[in-house]
Amino acid sequence: MPALPDDAQLQAALRRVETLAHWFDDRYRVPGTRFRVGLDGILGLIPGVGDLLTNTITAYIVYEAWRIGIPRATLTRMLANLGIDTVVGAVPLVGDLFDFGFKANRRNVRLLHRHLADRGTHRAPEAAAPRAAARSRSI
């Protein structure tokens, strides 16, 4: 396992994974709606290689999480998100629709932020805070 990054390295890594997740899950707004899509769903329309290509690229988020020192259980959840996205995304038509809604990269970035917030080394972004608060109230 690599040495834990200092604060500047951590912030730079978080910016990189946020940017990647944005481009692959949320980059474009569907006109007339609040629904957003990214390169993952668009490139996933390419039969055979689209999902494999996008998930190979976005595996970088899991790599950065490993470099930051995320526990194995969280890394396993992140890999499961990518696996689900790859396997279901490979199914014609149903998988393409799934790709537009599942947003594995956003899920993985939220897992990363949540772990860092729990560890006390990072404040989770405001967008993730309401979900975390709602989840803790339901327990």
N, C-alpha and C. Protein backbone atom coordinates (compact mmCIF):
# COMPACT_ATOMS: atom_id res chain seq x y z
N MET A 1 0.85 -1.18 0.00
CA MET A 1 0.00 0.00 0.00
C MET A 1 0.90 1.24 0.00
N PRO A 2 0.56 2.27 -0.79
CA PRO A 2 1.39 3.46 -0.84
C PRO A 2 1.26 4.29 0.43
N ALA A 3 2.20 5.21 0.61
CA ALA A 3 2.15 6.11 1.76
C ALA A 3 0.93 7.02 1.62
N LEU A 4 0.32 7.35 2.75
CA LEU A 4 -0.85 8.22 2.72
C LEU A 4 -0.46 9.60 2.21
N PRO A 5 -1.30 10.22 1.37
CA PRO A 5 -0.97 11.52 0.80
C PRO A 5 -1.12 12.63 1.84
N ASP A 6 -0.37 13.73 1.63
CA ASP A 6 -0.56 14.89 2.49
C ASP A 6 -1.83 15.62 2.01
N ASP A 7 -2.21 16.71 2.70
CA ASP A 7 -3.47 17.38 2.40
C ASP A 7 -3.53 17.91 0.97
N ALA A 8 -2.45 18.48 0.48
CA ALA A 8 -2.44 19.02 -0.89
C ALA A 8 -2.62 17.89 -1.91
N GLN A 9 -1.95 16.76 -1.68
CA GLN A 9 -2.09 15.62 -2.58
C GLN A 9 -3.50 15.05 -2.52
N LEU A 10 -4.07 15.01 -1.32
CA LEU A 10 -5.43 14.51 -1.15
C LEU A 10 -6.41 15.39 -1.91
N GLN A 11 -6.28 16.70 -1.76
CA GLN A 11 -7.19 17.63 -2.45
C GLN A 11 -7.05 17.50 -3.96
N ALA A 12 -5.82 17.34 -4.45
CA ALA A 12 -5.60 17.18 -5.89
C ALA A 12 -6.23 15.88 -6.38
N ALA A 13 -6.08 14.80 -5.62
CA ALA A 13 -6.68 13.52 -6.00
C ALA A 13 -8.20 13.63 -6.02
N LEU A 14 -8.77 14.31 -5.03
CA LEU A 14 -10.22 14.47 -4.99
C LEU A 14 -10.72 15.29 -6.18
N ARG A 15 -9.98 16.32 -6.56
CA ARG A 15 -10.36 17.11 -7.74
C ARG A 15 -10.33 16.23 -9.00
N ARG A 16 -9.32 15.39 -9.12
CA ARG A 16 -9.21 14.52 -10.30
C ARG A 16 -10.38 13.55 -10.37
N VAL A 17 -10.72 12.89 -9.26
CA VAL A 17 -11.80 11.91 -9.31
C VAL A 17 -13.16 12.59 -9.49
N GLU A 18 -13.33 13.76 -8.89
CA GLU A 18 -14.58 14.52 -9.09
C GLU A 18 -14.75 14.90 -10.55
N THR A 19 -13.68 15.37 -11.17
CA THR A 19 -13.74 15.75 -12.58
C THR A 19 -14.06 14.55 -13.45
N LEU A 20 -13.41 13.44 -13.19
CA LEU A 20 -13.66 12.23 -13.97
C LEU A 20 -15.11 11.77 -13.80
N ALA A 21 -15.59 11.75 -12.57
CA ALA A 21 -16.97 11.33 -12.32
C ALA A 21 -17.96 12.28 -13.01
N HIS A 22 -17.66 13.57 -12.97
CA HIS A 22 -18.54 14.55 -13.63
C HIS A 22 -18.62 14.27 -15.14
N TRP A 23 -17.47 14.10 -15.78
CA TRP A 23 -17.45 13.87 -17.22
C TRP A 23 -18.13 12.55 -17.60
N PHE A 24 -17.95 11.53 -16.80
CA PHE A 24 -18.47 10.21 -17.17
C PHE A 24 -19.90 9.96 -16.70
N ASP A 25 -20.41 10.74 -15.74
CA ASP A 25 -21.77 10.51 -15.24
C ASP A 25 -22.73 11.68 -15.40
N ASP A 26 -22.23 12.91 -15.38
CA ASP A 26 -23.13 14.07 -15.28
C ASP A 26 -22.83 15.22 -16.22
N ARG A 27 -21.99 15.07 -17.19
CA ARG A 27 -21.50 16.20 -17.98
C ARG A 27 -22.59 16.95 -18.75
N TYR A 28 -23.53 16.24 -19.32
CA TYR A 28 -24.52 16.88 -20.20
C TYR A 28 -25.92 16.78 -19.61
N ARG A 29 -26.65 17.90 -19.67
CA ARG A 29 -28.04 17.91 -19.21
C ARG A 29 -28.93 17.61 -20.40
N VAL A 30 -29.88 16.71 -20.22
CA VAL A 30 -30.85 16.41 -21.26
C VAL A 30 -31.78 17.62 -21.35
N PRO A 31 -31.86 18.25 -22.53
CA PRO A 31 -32.68 19.47 -22.68
C PRO A 31 -34.11 19.28 -22.20
N GLY A 32 -34.59 20.26 -21.46
CA GLY A 32 -35.96 20.24 -20.97
C GLY A 32 -36.16 19.41 -19.72
N THR A 33 -35.07 18.84 -19.17
CA THR A 33 -35.19 18.00 -17.97
C THR A 33 -34.08 18.38 -16.99
N ARG A 34 -34.13 17.79 -15.82
CA ARG A 34 -33.04 17.92 -14.85
C ARG A 34 -32.09 16.74 -14.95
N PHE A 35 -32.39 15.78 -15.83
CA PHE A 35 -31.60 14.56 -15.97
C PHE A 35 -30.27 14.87 -16.66
N ARG A 36 -29.20 14.31 -16.10
CA ARG A 36 -27.87 14.52 -16.65
C ARG A 36 -27.27 13.19 -17.08
N VAL A 37 -26.50 13.22 -18.15
CA VAL A 37 -25.81 12.03 -18.65
C VAL A 37 -24.35 12.38 -18.87
N GLY A 38 -23.54 11.35 -18.96
CA GLY A 38 -22.12 11.57 -19.20
C GLY A 38 -21.59 10.61 -20.25
N LEU A 39 -20.29 10.62 -20.38
CA LEU A 39 -19.64 9.79 -21.38
C LEU A 39 -19.85 8.30 -21.14
N ASP A 40 -20.04 7.90 -19.89
CA ASP A 40 -20.26 6.48 -19.59
C ASP A 40 -21.49 5.97 -20.33
N GLY A 41 -22.59 6.67 -20.22
CA GLY A 41 -23.81 6.25 -20.91
C GLY A 41 -23.71 6.40 -22.41
N ILE A 42 -23.08 7.48 -22.86
CA ILE A 42 -22.98 7.73 -24.30
C ILE A 42 -22.07 6.72 -24.97
N LEU A 43 -20.86 6.54 -24.42
CA LEU A 43 -19.92 5.58 -25.02
C LEU A 43 -20.39 4.15 -24.81
N GLY A 44 -21.20 3.92 -23.77
CA GLY A 44 -21.75 2.60 -23.52
C GLY A 44 -22.68 2.14 -24.63
N LEU A 45 -23.14 3.07 -25.46
CA LEU A 45 -23.99 2.71 -26.59
C LEU A 45 -23.22 1.97 -27.68
N ILE A 46 -21.88 2.07 -27.65
CA ILE A 46 -21.06 1.38 -28.65
C ILE A 46 -21.06 -0.11 -28.29
N PRO A 47 -21.63 -0.93 -29.16
CA PRO A 47 -21.73 -2.37 -28.85
C PRO A 47 -20.36 -3.02 -28.62
N GLY A 48 -20.31 -3.84 -27.59
CA GLY A 48 -19.12 -4.65 -27.35
C GLY A 48 -18.02 -3.99 -26.55
N VAL A 49 -17.62 -2.79 -26.91
CA VAL A 49 -16.45 -2.19 -26.28
C VAL A 49 -16.75 -0.95 -25.44
N GLY A 50 -17.92 -0.37 -25.61
CA GLY A 50 -18.23 0.89 -24.92
C GLY A 50 -18.12 0.81 -23.41
N ASP A 51 -18.81 -0.16 -22.82
CA ASP A 51 -18.79 -0.29 -21.36
C ASP A 51 -17.43 -0.72 -20.85
N LEU A 52 -16.79 -1.59 -21.55
CA LEU A 52 -15.46 -2.03 -21.15
C LEU A 52 -14.47 -0.85 -21.17
N LEU A 53 -14.54 -0.04 -22.21
CA LEU A 53 -13.67 1.12 -22.34
C LEU A 53 -13.91 2.13 -21.21
N THR A 54 -15.17 2.49 -20.99
CA THR A 54 -15.45 3.50 -19.97
C THR A 54 -15.10 3.00 -18.57
N ASN A 55 -15.38 1.74 -18.28
CA ASN A 55 -15.09 1.23 -16.94
C ASN A 55 -13.60 1.02 -16.72
N THR A 56 -12.86 0.79 -17.79
CA THR A 56 -11.41 0.72 -17.66
C THR A 56 -10.86 2.09 -17.29
N ILE A 57 -11.38 3.12 -17.93
CA ILE A 57 -10.92 4.49 -17.64
C ILE A 57 -11.34 4.90 -16.24
N THR A 58 -12.59 4.65 -15.88
CA THR A 58 -13.08 5.12 -14.58
C THR A 58 -12.61 4.26 -13.42
N ALA A 59 -11.94 3.15 -13.69
CA ALA A 59 -11.31 2.38 -12.61
C ALA A 59 -10.23 3.21 -11.93
N TYR A 60 -9.84 4.30 -12.58
CA TYR A 60 -8.88 5.23 -12.00
C TYR A 60 -9.38 5.77 -10.65
N ILE A 61 -10.68 5.94 -10.51
CA ILE A 61 -11.25 6.42 -9.25
C ILE A 61 -10.94 5.43 -8.13
N VAL A 62 -11.06 4.15 -8.41
CA VAL A 62 -10.76 3.12 -7.42
C VAL A 62 -9.26 3.12 -7.11
N TYR A 63 -8.45 3.30 -8.14
CA TYR A 63 -7.00 3.38 -7.94
C TYR A 63 -6.65 4.55 -7.01
N GLU A 64 -7.23 5.71 -7.25
CA GLU A 64 -6.97 6.87 -6.37
C GLU A 64 -7.43 6.59 -4.95
N ALA A 65 -8.57 5.93 -4.80
CA ALA A 65 -9.06 5.58 -3.46
C ALA A 65 -8.06 4.67 -2.76
N TRP A 66 -7.51 3.71 -3.49
CA TRP A 66 -6.50 2.82 -2.92
C TRP A 66 -5.27 3.62 -2.50
N ARG A 67 -4.84 4.55 -3.35
CA ARG A 67 -3.67 5.38 -3.03
C ARG A 67 -3.90 6.22 -1.78
N ILE A 68 -5.13 6.65 -1.59
CA ILE A 68 -5.48 7.49 -0.43
C ILE A 68 -5.52 6.65 0.85
N GLY A 69 -5.67 5.35 0.71
CA GLY A 69 -5.68 4.48 1.88
C GLY A 69 -7.06 4.05 2.33
N ILE A 70 -8.00 4.01 1.39
CA ILE A 70 -9.36 3.59 1.70
C ILE A 70 -9.34 2.11 2.11
N PRO A 71 -10.11 1.72 3.11
CA PRO A 71 -10.11 0.32 3.56
C PRO A 71 -10.58 -0.65 2.47
N ARG A 72 -10.15 -1.86 2.61
CA ARG A 72 -10.46 -2.91 1.63
C ARG A 72 -11.97 -3.08 1.44
N ALA A 73 -12.75 -2.99 2.49
CA ALA A 73 -14.20 -3.17 2.37
C ALA A 73 -14.81 -2.10 1.46
N THR A 74 -14.36 -0.86 1.59
CA THR A 74 -14.87 0.22 0.74
C THR A 74 -14.38 0.04 -0.69
N LEU A 75 -13.13 -0.36 -0.86
CA LEU A 75 -12.61 -0.63 -2.20
C LEU A 75 -13.42 -1.74 -2.87
N THR A 76 -13.80 -2.75 -2.09
CA THR A 76 -14.60 -3.85 -2.63
C THR A 76 -15.95 -3.34 -3.10
N ARG A 77 -16.56 -2.46 -2.33
CA ARG A 77 -17.85 -1.87 -2.75
C ARG A 77 -17.68 -1.06 -4.02
N MET A 78 -16.58 -0.33 -4.13
CA MET A 78 -16.32 0.47 -5.32
C MET A 78 -16.13 -0.44 -6.54
N LEU A 79 -15.39 -1.52 -6.37
CA LEU A 79 -15.19 -2.46 -7.47
C LEU A 79 -16.50 -3.15 -7.83
N ALA A 80 -17.34 -3.42 -6.84
CA ALA A 80 -18.66 -4.01 -7.12
C ALA A 80 -19.50 -3.05 -7.97
N ASN A 81 -19.46 -1.76 -7.66
CA ASN A 81 -20.18 -0.77 -8.46
C ASN A 81 -19.71 -0.81 -9.91
N LEU A 82 -18.40 -0.86 -10.10
CA LEU A 82 -17.86 -0.94 -11.47
C LEU A 82 -18.26 -2.25 -12.13
N GLY A 83 -18.22 -3.34 -11.38
CA GLY A 83 -18.60 -4.64 -11.94
C GLY A 83 -20.05 -4.67 -12.37
N ILE A 84 -20.92 -4.15 -11.53
CA ILE A 84 -22.35 -4.09 -11.87
C ILE A 84 -22.54 -3.25 -13.12
N ASP A 85 -21.88 -2.09 -13.17
CA ASP A 85 -21.98 -1.20 -14.32
C ASP A 85 -21.50 -1.89 -15.59
N THR A 86 -20.43 -2.66 -15.49
CA THR A 86 -19.87 -3.35 -16.66
C THR A 86 -20.78 -4.49 -17.12
N VAL A 87 -21.19 -5.34 -16.19
CA VAL A 87 -21.97 -6.52 -16.56
C VAL A 87 -23.36 -6.14 -17.05
N VAL A 88 -24.08 -5.34 -16.28
CA VAL A 88 -25.43 -4.97 -16.69
C VAL A 88 -25.38 -4.07 -17.93
N GLY A 89 -24.38 -3.18 -17.97
CA GLY A 89 -24.24 -2.29 -19.12
C GLY A 89 -23.99 -3.03 -20.42
N ALA A 90 -23.48 -4.23 -20.36
CA ALA A 90 -23.19 -5.01 -21.57
C ALA A 90 -24.44 -5.63 -22.19
N VAL A 91 -25.55 -5.65 -21.45
CA VAL A 91 -26.80 -6.20 -21.98
C VAL A 91 -27.40 -5.19 -22.95
N PRO A 92 -27.66 -5.59 -24.18
CA PRO A 92 -28.21 -4.65 -25.15
C PRO A 92 -29.51 -3.99 -24.67
N LEU A 93 -29.67 -2.75 -24.97
CA LEU A 93 -30.79 -1.88 -24.67
C LEU A 93 -31.02 -1.68 -23.17
N VAL A 94 -31.31 -2.75 -22.43
CA VAL A 94 -31.53 -2.63 -20.99
C VAL A 94 -30.27 -2.07 -20.32
N GLY A 95 -29.12 -2.58 -20.72
CA GLY A 95 -27.86 -2.11 -20.16
C GLY A 95 -27.58 -0.66 -20.51
N ASP A 96 -27.97 -0.24 -21.70
CA ASP A 96 -27.77 1.15 -22.09
C ASP A 96 -28.61 2.08 -21.22
N LEU A 97 -29.84 1.71 -20.98
CA LEU A 97 -30.70 2.50 -20.09
C LEU A 97 -30.15 2.51 -18.67
N PHE A 98 -29.68 1.35 -18.23
CA PHE A 98 -29.08 1.23 -16.90
C PHE A 98 -27.88 2.17 -16.75
N ASP A 99 -27.03 2.23 -17.78
CA ASP A 99 -25.84 3.09 -17.75
C ASP A 99 -26.19 4.55 -17.48
N PHE A 100 -27.29 5.00 -18.05
CA PHE A 100 -27.67 6.40 -17.87
C PHE A 100 -28.16 6.69 -16.45
N GLY A 101 -28.61 5.68 -15.73
CA GLY A 101 -29.15 5.92 -14.40
C GLY A 101 -28.30 5.47 -13.23
N PHE A 102 -27.47 4.45 -13.40
CA PHE A 102 -26.74 3.87 -12.26
C PHE A 102 -25.65 4.78 -11.72
N LYS A 103 -24.88 5.42 -12.58
CA LYS A 103 -23.83 6.38 -12.20
C LYS A 103 -22.84 5.81 -11.18
N ALA A 104 -22.17 4.75 -11.57
CA ALA A 104 -21.20 4.07 -10.70
C ALA A 104 -20.09 5.01 -10.24
N ASN A 105 -19.68 5.93 -11.08
CA ASN A 105 -18.58 6.82 -10.72
C ASN A 105 -18.99 7.78 -9.61
N ARG A 106 -20.19 8.34 -9.70
CA ARG A 106 -20.70 9.21 -8.63
C ARG A 106 -20.81 8.41 -7.33
N ARG A 107 -21.30 7.18 -7.43
CA ARG A 107 -21.42 6.33 -6.24
C ARG A 107 -20.04 6.13 -5.60
N ASN A 108 -19.04 5.87 -6.43
CA ASN A 108 -17.70 5.61 -5.90
C ASN A 108 -17.09 6.86 -5.29
N VAL A 109 -17.32 8.01 -5.89
CA VAL A 109 -16.80 9.25 -5.31
C VAL A 109 -17.50 9.54 -3.98
N ARG A 110 -18.80 9.26 -3.90
CA ARG A 110 -19.50 9.44 -2.61
C ARG A 110 -18.94 8.51 -1.54
N LEU A 111 -18.64 7.26 -1.92
CA LEU A 111 -18.02 6.34 -0.95
C LEU A 111 -16.68 6.89 -0.47
N LEU A 112 -15.90 7.43 -1.37
CA LEU A 112 -14.60 8.01 -1.03
C LEU A 112 -14.77 9.19 -0.08
N HIS A 113 -15.67 10.11 -0.41
CA HIS A 113 -15.92 11.27 0.45
C HIS A 113 -16.43 10.84 1.82
N ARG A 114 -17.34 9.87 1.83
CA ARG A 114 -17.91 9.41 3.10
C ARG A 114 -16.83 8.83 4.00
N HIS A 115 -15.94 8.03 3.43
CA HIS A 115 -14.86 7.45 4.23
C HIS A 115 -13.97 8.55 4.78
N LEU A 116 -13.60 9.51 3.95
CA LEU A 116 -12.72 10.58 4.42
C LEU A 116 -13.40 11.44 5.49
N ALA A 117 -14.70 11.67 5.34
CA ALA A 117 -15.44 12.43 6.35
C ALA A 117 -15.49 11.66 7.66
N ASP A 118 -15.73 10.35 7.58
CA ASP A 118 -15.77 9.52 8.78
C ASP A 118 -14.41 9.48 9.47
N ARG A 119 -13.37 9.51 8.67
CA ARG A 119 -12.00 9.49 9.19
C ARG A 119 -11.62 10.84 9.80
N GLY A 120 -12.40 11.88 9.46
CA GLY A 120 -12.14 13.20 10.02
C GLY A 120 -11.08 13.99 9.27
N THR A 121 -10.67 13.51 8.10
CA THR A 121 -9.64 14.21 7.34
C THR A 121 -10.22 15.03 6.22
N HIS A 122 -11.54 15.05 6.12
CA HIS A 122 -12.15 15.70 4.96
C HIS A 122 -13.60 15.99 5.29
N ARG A 123 -14.08 17.12 4.83
CA ARG A 123 -15.50 17.43 4.97
C ARG A 123 -16.21 17.01 3.69
N ALA A 124 -17.23 16.19 3.82
CA ALA A 124 -17.96 15.71 2.65
C ALA A 124 -18.58 16.89 1.92
N PRO A 125 -18.68 16.82 0.60
CA PRO A 125 -19.30 17.91 -0.15
C PRO A 125 -20.76 18.08 0.26
N GLU A 126 -21.26 19.29 0.10
CA GLU A 126 -22.63 19.60 0.51
C GLU A 126 -23.67 18.71 -0.17
N ALA A 127 -23.44 18.34 -1.42
CA ALA A 127 -24.41 17.51 -2.15
C ALA A 127 -24.57 16.15 -1.48
N ALA A 128 -23.52 15.64 -0.86
CA ALA A 128 -23.60 14.32 -0.24
C ALA A 128 -24.17 14.39 1.18
N ALA A 129 -24.11 15.56 1.81
CA ALA A 129 -24.53 15.70 3.20
C ALA A 129 -26.00 15.37 3.44
N PRO A 130 -26.96 15.86 2.61
CA PRO A 130 -28.36 15.54 2.88
C PRO A 130 -28.65 14.04 2.84
N ARG A 131 -28.03 13.32 1.92
CA ARG A 131 -28.26 11.88 1.85
C ARG A 131 -27.74 11.19 3.09
N ALA A 132 -26.56 11.60 3.55
CA ALA A 132 -25.97 10.99 4.75
C ALA A 132 -26.85 11.28 5.96
N ALA A 133 -27.37 12.52 6.06
CA ALA A 133 -28.21 12.88 7.18
C ALA A 133 -29.52 12.09 7.14
N ALA A 134 -30.11 11.95 5.96
CA ALA A 134 -31.35 11.19 5.84
C ALA A 134 -31.13 9.73 6.20
N ARG A 135 -29.99 9.19 5.80
CA ARG A 135 -29.68 7.79 6.09
C ARG A 135 -29.52 7.59 7.59
N SER A 136 -28.85 8.53 8.28
CA SER A 136 -28.64 8.36 9.71
C SER A 136 -29.94 8.51 10.49
N ARG A 137 -30.89 9.32 9.99
CA ARG A 137 -32.17 9.45 10.66
C ARG A 137 -33.02 8.19 10.52
N SER A 138 -32.81 7.47 9.40
CA SER A 138 -33.65 6.28 9.18
C SER A 138 -33.16 5.06 9.94
N ILE A 139 -32.00 5.16 10.53
CA ILE A 139 -31.43 4.01 11.26
C ILE A 139 -31.95 3.98 12.67
